[in-house]
């Protein structure tokens, strides 16, 4: 990650720009990394561990209240991929 051009030098203030602050924190903590596919990121081990904890807690709360989990993979139509390419 040291060679990554997107390495964060300073973390943006949360009050100034929440979205940029979040991105800065995620990159600085090396929770994920960019892939060669535009808009896609690979979740690194520490980031995935956080995600597993979030899933565990949500699953516990869902079961307490009778909510059922659902998984909806994202399918991107080829027409949108072509738009991005152009």
PDB file of N, CA and C in Angstrom:
ATOM      1  N   UNK A   1       0.821  -1.192   0.000  1.00  0.00           N
ATOM      2  CA  UNK A   1       0.000   0.000   0.000  1.00  0.00           C
ATOM      3  C   UNK A   1       0.862   1.252   0.000  1.00  0.00           C
ATOM      4  N   UNK A   2       2.120   1.155   0.380  1.00  0.00           N
ATOM      5  CA  UNK A   2       2.991   2.332   0.426  1.00  0.00           C
ATOM      6  C   UNK A   2       3.145   2.964  -0.950  1.00  0.00           C
ATOM      7  N   UNK A   3       3.063   2.158  -2.001  1.00  0.00           N
ATOM      8  CA  UNK A   3       3.204   2.685  -3.354  1.00  0.00           C
ATOM      9  C   UNK A   3       1.885   3.179  -3.935  1.00  0.00           C
ATOM     10  N   UNK A   4       0.810   2.996  -3.200  1.00  0.00           N
ATOM     11  CA  UNK A   4      -0.514   3.386  -3.673  1.00  0.00           C
ATOM     12  C   UNK A   4      -0.633   4.905  -3.724  1.00  0.00           C
ATOM     13  N   UNK A   5      -0.990   5.453  -4.886  1.00  0.00           N
ATOM     14  CA  UNK A   5      -1.140   6.899  -5.039  1.00  0.00           C
ATOM     15  C   UNK A   5      -2.254   7.442  -4.161  1.00  0.00           C
ATOM     16  N   UNK A   6      -3.189   6.578  -3.775  1.00  0.00           N
ATOM     17  CA  UNK A   6      -4.340   7.011  -3.014  1.00  0.00           C
ATOM     18  C   UNK A   6      -4.094   6.942  -1.503  1.00  0.00           C
ATOM     19  N   UNK A   7      -2.880   6.735  -1.082  1.00  0.00           N
ATOM     20  CA  UNK A   7      -2.555   6.678   0.336  1.00  0.00           C
ATOM     21  C   UNK A   7      -2.902   8.008   0.991  1.00  0.00           C
ATOM     22  N   UNK A   8      -3.539   7.928   2.110  1.00  0.00           N
ATOM     23  CA  UNK A   8      -4.005   9.132   2.803  1.00  0.00           C
ATOM     24  C   UNK A   8      -2.882   9.706   3.653  1.00  0.00           C
ATOM     25  N   UNK A   9      -2.574  10.960   3.462  1.00  0.00           N
ATOM     26  CA  UNK A   9      -1.565  11.646   4.278  1.00  0.00           C
ATOM     27  C   UNK A   9      -2.202  12.205   5.542  1.00  0.00           C
ATOM     28  N   UNK A  10      -3.373  12.807   5.401  1.00  0.00           N
ATOM     29  CA  UNK A  10      -4.092  13.378   6.534  1.00  0.00           C
ATOM     30  C   UNK A  10      -5.552  12.968   6.413  1.00  0.00           C
ATOM     31  N   UNK A  11      -6.211  12.848   7.539  1.00  0.00           N
ATOM     32  CA  UNK A  11      -7.614  12.451   7.530  1.00  0.00           C
ATOM     33  C   UNK A  11      -8.491  13.696   7.542  1.00  0.00           C
ATOM     34  N   UNK A  12      -9.392  13.767   6.580  1.00  0.00           N
ATOM     35  CA  UNK A  12     -10.341  14.872   6.466  1.00  0.00           C
ATOM     36  C   UNK A  12     -11.221  14.921   7.713  1.00  0.00           C
ATOM     37  N   UNK A  13     -11.577  16.100   8.131  1.00  0.00           N
ATOM     38  CA  UNK A  13     -12.466  16.268   9.278  1.00  0.00           C
ATOM     39  C   UNK A  13     -13.846  15.694   8.957  1.00  0.00           C
ATOM     40  N   UNK A  14     -14.403  14.940   9.902  1.00  0.00           N
ATOM     41  CA  UNK A  14     -15.716  14.346   9.715  1.00  0.00           C
ATOM     42  C   UNK A  14     -16.774  15.434   9.509  1.00  0.00           C
ATOM     43  N   UNK A  15     -16.612  16.551  10.202  1.00  0.00           N
ATOM     44  CA  UNK A  15     -17.578  17.645  10.087  1.00  0.00           C
ATOM     45  C   UNK A  15     -17.505  18.326   8.720  1.00  0.00           C
ATOM     46  N   UNK A  16     -16.317  18.360   8.127  1.00  0.00           N
ATOM     47  CA  UNK A  16     -16.145  19.013   6.825  1.00  0.00           C
ATOM     48  C   UNK A  16     -16.716  18.185   5.679  1.00  0.00           C
ATOM     49  N   UNK A  17     -16.436  16.882   5.697  1.00  0.00           N
ATOM     50  CA  UNK A  17     -16.850  16.024   4.583  1.00  0.00           C
ATOM     51  C   UNK A  17     -16.904  14.586   5.084  1.00  0.00           C
ATOM     52  N   UNK A  18     -18.097  14.158   5.511  1.00  0.00           N
ATOM     53  CA  UNK A  18     -18.236  12.836   6.116  1.00  0.00           C
ATOM     54  C   UNK A  18     -17.794  11.720   5.172  1.00  0.00           C
ATOM     55  N   UNK A  19     -18.210  11.790   3.910  1.00  0.00           N
ATOM     56  CA  UNK A  19     -17.863  10.735   2.951  1.00  0.00           C
ATOM     57  C   UNK A  19     -16.349  10.627   2.767  1.00  0.00           C
ATOM     58  N   UNK A  20     -15.670  11.772   2.669  1.00  0.00           N
ATOM     59  CA  UNK A  20     -14.213  11.753   2.501  1.00  0.00           C
ATOM     60  C   UNK A  20     -13.535  11.271   3.777  1.00  0.00           C
ATOM     61  N   UNK A  21     -14.066  11.678   4.934  1.00  0.00           N
ATOM     62  CA  UNK A  21     -13.521  11.219   6.219  1.00  0.00           C
ATOM     63  C   UNK A  21     -13.578   9.698   6.286  1.00  0.00           C
ATOM     64  N   UNK A  22     -14.735   9.121   5.936  1.00  0.00           N
ATOM     65  CA  UNK A  22     -14.915   7.673   5.976  1.00  0.00           C
ATOM     66  C   UNK A  22     -13.907   6.987   5.050  1.00  0.00           C
ATOM     67  N   UNK A  23     -13.787   7.486   3.824  1.00  0.00           N
ATOM     68  CA  UNK A  23     -12.828   6.926   2.867  1.00  0.00           C
ATOM     69  C   UNK A  23     -11.407   7.021   3.401  1.00  0.00           C
ATOM     70  N   UNK A  24     -11.054   8.168   3.964  1.00  0.00           N
ATOM     71  CA  UNK A  24      -9.711   8.358   4.526  1.00  0.00           C
ATOM     72  C   UNK A  24      -9.424   7.346   5.630  1.00  0.00           C
ATOM     73  N   UNK A  25     -10.379   7.155   6.530  1.00  0.00           N
ATOM     74  CA  UNK A  25     -10.193   6.226   7.655  1.00  0.00           C
ATOM     75  C   UNK A  25     -10.028   4.799   7.144  1.00  0.00           C
ATOM     76  N   UNK A  26     -10.884   4.392   6.220  1.00  0.00           N
ATOM     77  CA  UNK A  26     -10.819   3.031   5.675  1.00  0.00           C
ATOM     78  C   UNK A  26      -9.479   2.788   4.981  1.00  0.00           C
ATOM     79  N   UNK A  27      -9.012   3.773   4.200  1.00  0.00           N
ATOM     80  CA  UNK A  27      -7.729   3.612   3.503  1.00  0.00           C
ATOM     81  C   UNK A  27      -6.555   3.661   4.472  1.00  0.00           C
ATOM     82  N   UNK A  28      -6.580   4.601   5.409  1.00  0.00           N
ATOM     83  CA  UNK A  28      -5.470   4.744   6.358  1.00  0.00           C
ATOM     84  C   UNK A  28      -5.329   3.490   7.225  1.00  0.00           C
ATOM     85  N   UNK A  29      -6.463   2.899   7.613  1.00  0.00           N
ATOM     86  CA  UNK A  29      -6.450   1.683   8.433  1.00  0.00           C
ATOM     87  C   UNK A  29      -6.191   0.432   7.593  1.00  0.00           C
ATOM     88  N   UNK A  30      -6.092   0.615   6.277  1.00  0.00           N
ATOM     89  CA  UNK A  30      -5.863  -0.491   5.347  1.00  0.00           C
ATOM     90  C   UNK A  30      -6.906  -1.596   5.509  1.00  0.00           C
ATOM     91  N   UNK A  31      -8.178  -1.178   5.629  1.00  0.00           N
ATOM     92  CA  UNK A  31      -9.272  -2.131   5.746  1.00  0.00           C
ATOM     93  C   UNK A  31      -9.648  -2.715   4.388  1.00  0.00           C
ATOM     94  N   UNK A  32      -9.319  -1.997   3.329  1.00  0.00           N
ATOM     95  CA  UNK A  32      -9.585  -2.489   1.984  1.00  0.00           C
ATOM     96  C   UNK A  32      -8.606  -1.841   1.017  1.00  0.00           C
ATOM     97  N   UNK A  33      -8.612  -2.331  -0.196  1.00  0.00           N
ATOM     98  CA  UNK A  33      -7.725  -1.785  -1.213  1.00  0.00           C
ATOM     99  C   UNK A  33      -8.433  -1.741  -2.549  1.00  0.00           C
ATOM    100  N   UNK A  34      -7.984  -0.860  -3.412  1.00  0.00           N
ATOM    101  CA  UNK A  34      -8.577  -0.738  -4.741  1.00  0.00           C
ATOM    102  C   UNK A  34      -8.160  -1.913  -5.616  1.00  0.00           C
ATOM    103  N   UNK A  35      -9.055  -2.295  -6.520  1.00  0.00           N
ATOM    104  CA  UNK A  35      -8.750  -3.342  -7.492  1.00  0.00           C
ATOM    105  C   UNK A  35      -8.599  -2.690  -8.862  1.00  0.00           C
ATOM    106  N   UNK A  36      -8.301  -3.491  -9.854  1.00  0.00           N
ATOM    107  CA  UNK A  36      -8.161  -2.955 -11.210  1.00  0.00           C
ATOM    108  C   UNK A  36      -9.515  -2.667 -11.850  1.00  0.00           C
ATOM    109  N   UNK A  37     -10.602  -3.093 -11.205  1.00  0.00           N
ATOM    110  CA  UNK A  37     -11.951  -2.845 -11.712  1.00  0.00           C
ATOM    111  C   UNK A  37     -12.480  -1.569 -11.076  1.00  0.00           C
ATOM    112  N   UNK A  38     -12.809  -0.578 -11.912  1.00  0.00           N
ATOM    113  CA  UNK A  38     -13.269   0.719 -11.423  1.00  0.00           C
ATOM    114  C   UNK A  38     -14.475   0.545 -10.492  1.00  0.00           C
ATOM    115  N   UNK A  39     -14.393   1.159  -9.319  1.00  0.00           N
ATOM    116  CA  UNK A  39     -15.489   1.123  -8.368  1.00  0.00           C
ATOM    117  C   UNK A  39     -15.503  -0.096  -7.463  1.00  0.00           C
ATOM    118  N   UNK A  40     -14.552  -0.997  -7.634  1.00  0.00           N
ATOM    119  CA  UNK A  40     -14.505  -2.212  -6.813  1.00  0.00           C
ATOM    120  C   UNK A  40     -13.320  -2.164  -5.860  1.00  0.00           C
ATOM    121  N   UNK A  41     -13.540  -2.691  -4.676  1.00  0.00           N
ATOM    122  CA  UNK A  41     -12.479  -2.749  -3.675  1.00  0.00           C
ATOM    123  C   UNK A  41     -12.409  -4.160  -3.110  1.00  0.00           C
ATOM    124  N   UNK A  42     -11.233  -4.553  -2.691  1.00  0.00           N
ATOM    125  CA  UNK A  42     -11.033  -5.835  -2.029  1.00  0.00           C
ATOM    126  C   UNK A  42     -10.955  -5.575  -0.531  1.00  0.00           C
ATOM    127  N   UNK A  43     -11.746  -6.311   0.227  1.00  0.00           N
ATOM    128  CA  UNK A  43     -11.742  -6.141   1.679  1.00  0.00           C
ATOM    129  C   UNK A  43     -10.589  -6.956   2.250  1.00  0.00           C
ATOM    130  N   UNK A  44      -9.734  -6.301   3.020  1.00  0.00           N
ATOM    131  CA  UNK A  44      -8.577  -6.958   3.628  1.00  0.00           C
ATOM    132  C   UNK A  44      -8.997  -7.637   4.936  1.00  0.00           C
ATOM    133  N   UNK A  45      -8.127  -8.499   5.513  1.00  0.00           N
ATOM    134  CA  UNK A  45      -8.505  -9.275   6.690  1.00  0.00           C
ATOM    135  C   UNK A  45      -9.107  -8.467   7.846  1.00  0.00           C
ATOM    136  N   UNK A  46      -8.515  -7.352   8.219  1.00  0.00           N
ATOM    137  CA  UNK A  46      -9.067  -6.570   9.336  1.00  0.00           C
ATOM    138  C   UNK A  46     -10.439  -6.004   8.979  1.00  0.00           C
ATOM    139  N   UNK A  47     -10.598  -5.555   7.745  1.00  0.00           N
ATOM    140  CA  UNK A  47     -11.889  -5.047   7.296  1.00  0.00           C
ATOM    141  C   UNK A  47     -12.939  -6.139   7.272  1.00  0.00           C
ATOM    142  N   UNK A  48     -12.526  -7.329   6.849  1.00  0.00           N
ATOM    143  CA  UNK A  48     -13.476  -8.438   6.798  1.00  0.00           C
ATOM    144  C   UNK A  48     -13.867  -8.884   8.202  1.00  0.00           C
ATOM    145  N   UNK A  49     -12.934  -8.833   9.131  1.00  0.00           N
ATOM    146  CA  UNK A  49     -13.248  -9.183  10.521  1.00  0.00           C
ATOM    147  C   UNK A  49     -14.304  -8.228  11.080  1.00  0.00           C
ATOM    148  N   UNK A  50     -14.171  -6.951  10.763  1.00  0.00           N
ATOM    149  CA  UNK A  50     -15.176  -5.968  11.196  1.00  0.00           C
ATOM    150  C   UNK A  50     -16.524  -6.312  10.576  1.00  0.00           C
ATOM    151  N   UNK A  51     -16.531  -6.620   9.276  1.00  0.00           N
ATOM    152  CA  UNK A  51     -17.763  -6.978   8.582  1.00  0.00           C
ATOM    153  C   UNK A  51     -18.414  -8.210   9.215  1.00  0.00           C
ATOM    154  N   UNK A  52     -17.612  -9.220   9.571  1.00  0.00           N
ATOM    155  CA  UNK A  52     -18.161 -10.421  10.207  1.00  0.00           C
ATOM    156  C   UNK A  52     -18.802 -10.084  11.550  1.00  0.00           C
ATOM    157  N   UNK A  53     -18.181  -9.186  12.318  1.00  0.00           N
ATOM    158  CA  UNK A  53     -18.765  -8.772  13.598  1.00  0.00           C
ATOM    159  C   UNK A  53     -20.082  -8.032  13.398  1.00  0.00           C
ATOM    160  N   UNK A  54     -20.136  -7.177  12.390  1.00  0.00           N
ATOM    161  CA  UNK A  54     -21.385  -6.462  12.081  1.00  0.00           C
ATOM    162  C   UNK A  54     -22.473  -7.468  11.705  1.00  0.00           C
ATOM    163  N   UNK A  55     -22.132  -8.423  10.839  1.00  0.00           N
ATOM    164  CA  UNK A  55     -23.101  -9.442  10.427  1.00  0.00           C
ATOM    165  C   UNK A  55     -23.602 -10.237  11.631  1.00  0.00           C
ATOM    166  N   UNK A  56     -22.684 -10.632  12.505  1.00  0.00           N
ATOM    167  CA  UNK A  56     -23.050 -11.420  13.683  1.00  0.00           C
ATOM    168  C   UNK A  56     -24.046 -10.655  14.556  1.00  0.00           C
ATOM    169  N   UNK A  57     -23.754  -9.390  14.820  1.00  0.00           N
ATOM    170  CA  UNK A  57     -24.635  -8.581  15.672  1.00  0.00           C
ATOM    171  C   UNK A  57     -25.991  -8.353  15.007  1.00  0.00           C
ATOM    172  N   UNK A  58     -25.988  -8.043  13.715  1.00  0.00           N
ATOM    173  CA  UNK A  58     -27.258  -7.852  13.010  1.00  0.00           C
ATOM    174  C   UNK A  58     -28.071  -9.140  12.988  1.00  0.00           C
ATOM    175  N   UNK A  59     -27.411 -10.267  12.730  1.00  0.00           N
ATOM    176  CA  UNK A  59     -28.101 -11.548  12.703  1.00  0.00           C
ATOM    177  C   UNK A  59     -28.745 -11.844  14.058  1.00  0.00           C
ATOM    178  N   UNK A  60     -28.027 -11.560  15.133  1.00  0.00           N
ATOM    179  CA  UNK A  60     -28.570 -11.770  16.480  1.00  0.00           C
ATOM    180  C   UNK A  60     -29.824 -10.923  16.684  1.00  0.00           C
ATOM    181  N   UNK A  61     -29.737  -9.653  16.302  1.00  0.00           N
ATOM    182  CA  UNK A  61     -30.887  -8.750  16.476  1.00  0.00           C
ATOM    183  C   UNK A  61     -32.052  -9.143  15.567  1.00  0.00           C
ATOM    184  N   UNK A  62     -31.741  -9.575  14.349  1.00  0.00           N
ATOM    185  CA  UNK A  62     -32.800 -10.015  13.440  1.00  0.00           C
ATOM    186  C   UNK A  62     -33.551 -11.197  14.039  1.00  0.00           C
ATOM    187  N   UNK A  63     -32.814 -12.172  14.559  1.00  0.00           N
ATOM    188  CA  UNK A  63     -33.439 -13.361  15.131  1.00  0.00           C
ATOM    189  C   UNK A  63     -34.299 -13.002  16.345  1.00  0.00           C
ATOM    190  N   UNK A  64     -33.839 -12.057  17.156  1.00  0.00           N
ATOM    191  CA  UNK A  64     -34.615 -11.610  18.323  1.00  0.00           C
ATOM    192  C   UNK A  64     -35.963 -11.031  17.919  1.00  0.00           C
ATOM    193  N   UNK A  65     -36.005 -10.358  16.791  1.00  0.00           N
ATOM    194  CA  UNK A  65     -37.218  -9.656  16.365  1.00  0.00           C
ATOM    195  C   UNK A  65     -37.987 -10.384  15.263  1.00  0.00           C
ATOM    196  N   UNK A  66     -37.497 -11.546  14.845  1.00  0.00           N
ATOM    197  CA  UNK A  66     -38.195 -12.325  13.830  1.00  0.00           C
ATOM    198  C   UNK A  66     -37.960 -11.871  12.397  1.00  0.00           C
ATOM    199  N   UNK A  67     -36.987 -11.019  12.194  1.00  0.00           N
ATOM    200  CA  UNK A  67     -36.656 -10.563  10.843  1.00  0.00           C
ATOM    201  C   UNK A  67     -35.827 -11.643  10.154  1.00  0.00           C
ATOM    202  N   UNK A  68     -36.111 -11.898   8.876  1.00  0.00           N
ATOM    203  CA  UNK A  68     -35.358 -12.896   8.127  1.00  0.00           C
ATOM    204  C   UNK A  68     -34.263 -12.228   7.308  1.00  0.00           C
ATOM    205  N   UNK A  69     -33.098 -12.856   7.289  1.00  0.00           N
ATOM    206  CA  UNK A  69     -31.996 -12.380   6.455  1.00  0.00           C
ATOM    207  C   UNK A  69     -32.291 -12.663   4.988  1.00  0.00           C
ATOM    208  N   UNK A  70     -31.686 -11.883   4.123  1.00  0.00           N
ATOM    209  CA  UNK A  70     -31.780 -12.115   2.686  1.00  0.00           C
ATOM    210  C   UNK A  70     -30.445 -11.702   2.070  1.00  0.00           C
ATOM    211  N   UNK A  71     -30.061 -12.374   1.018  1.00  0.00           N
ATOM    212  CA  UNK A  71     -28.826 -12.030   0.314  1.00  0.00           C
ATOM    213  C   UNK A  71     -29.194 -11.724  -1.126  1.00  0.00           C
ATOM    214  N   UNK A  72     -28.832 -10.549  -1.592  1.00  0.00           N
ATOM    215  CA  UNK A  72     -29.144 -10.143  -2.957  1.00  0.00           C
ATOM    216  C   UNK A  72     -27.859  -9.762  -3.676  1.00  0.00           C
ATOM    217  N   UNK A  73     -27.289 -10.704  -4.424  1.00  0.00           N
ATOM    218  CA  UNK A  73     -26.075 -10.361  -5.164  1.00  0.00           C
ATOM    219  C   UNK A  73     -26.379  -9.257  -6.174  1.00  0.00           C
ATOM    220  N   UNK A  74     -25.404  -8.452  -6.435  1.00  0.00           N
ATOM    221  CA  UNK A  74     -25.577  -7.358  -7.381  1.00  0.00           C
ATOM    222  C   UNK A  74     -25.237  -7.862  -8.779  1.00  0.00           C
ATOM    223  N   UNK A  75     -26.194  -7.728  -9.655  1.00  0.00           N
ATOM    224  CA  UNK A  75     -25.962  -8.071 -11.054  1.00  0.00           C
ATOM    225  C   UNK A  75     -25.968  -6.777 -11.850  1.00  0.00           C
ATOM    226  N   UNK A  76     -24.934  -6.555 -12.608  1.00  0.00           N
ATOM    227  CA  UNK A  76     -24.809  -5.330 -13.386  1.00  0.00           C
ATOM    228  C   UNK A  76     -25.088  -5.661 -14.846  1.00  0.00           C
ATOM    229  N   UNK A  77     -26.130  -5.040 -15.411  1.00  0.00           N
ATOM    230  CA  UNK A  77     -26.438  -5.309 -16.820  1.00  0.00           C
ATOM    231  C   UNK A  77     -25.270  -4.917 -17.731  1.00  0.00           C
ATOM    232  N   UNK A  78     -25.085  -5.689 -18.783  1.00  0.00           N
ATOM    233  CA  UNK A  78     -23.991  -5.421 -19.718  1.00  0.00           C
ATOM    234  C   UNK A  78     -24.100  -4.022 -20.318  1.00  0.00           C
ATOM    235  N   UNK A  79     -25.329  -3.532 -20.498  1.00  0.00           N
ATOM    236  CA  UNK A  79     -25.520  -2.190 -21.068  1.00  0.00           C
ATOM    237  C   UNK A  79     -24.888  -1.115 -20.181  1.00  0.00           C
ATOM    238  N   UNK A  80     -24.962  -1.285 -18.858  1.00  0.00           N
ATOM    239  CA  UNK A  80     -24.338  -0.319 -17.952  1.00  0.00           C
ATOM    240  C   UNK A  80     -22.818  -0.434 -17.985  1.00  0.00           C
ATOM    241  N   UNK A  81     -22.318  -1.641 -18.148  1.00  0.00           N
ATOM    242  CA  UNK A  81     -20.873  -1.819 -18.271  1.00  0.00           C
ATOM    243  C   UNK A  81     -20.375  -1.151 -19.550  1.00  0.00           C
ATOM    244  N   UNK A  82     -21.157  -1.253 -20.611  1.00  0.00           N
ATOM    245  CA  UNK A  82     -20.780  -0.614 -21.877  1.00  0.00           C
ATOM    246  C   UNK A  82     -20.771   0.904 -21.725  1.00  0.00           C
ATOM    247  N   UNK A  83     -21.766   1.464 -21.021  1.00  0.00           N
ATOM    248  CA  UNK A  83     -21.808   2.910 -20.762  1.00  0.00           C
ATOM    249  C   UNK A  83     -20.544   3.349 -20.040  1.00  0.00           C
ATOM    250  N   UNK A  84     -20.146   2.585 -19.017  1.00  0.00           N
ATOM    251  CA  UNK A  84     -18.947   2.906 -18.236  1.00  0.00           C
ATOM    252  C   UNK A  84     -17.713   2.864 -19.123  1.00  0.00           C
ATOM    253  N   UNK A  85     -17.674   1.879 -20.018  1.00  0.00           N
ATOM    254  CA  UNK A  85     -16.534   1.734 -20.920  1.00  0.00           C
ATOM    255  C   UNK A  85     -16.409   2.944 -21.844  1.00  0.00           C
ATOM    256  N   UNK A  86     -17.552   3.416 -22.343  1.00  0.00           N
ATOM    257  CA  UNK A  86     -17.562   4.557 -23.266  1.00  0.00           C
ATOM    258  C   UNK A  86     -17.290   5.824 -22.499  1.00  0.00           C
TER     259      UNK A  86
END
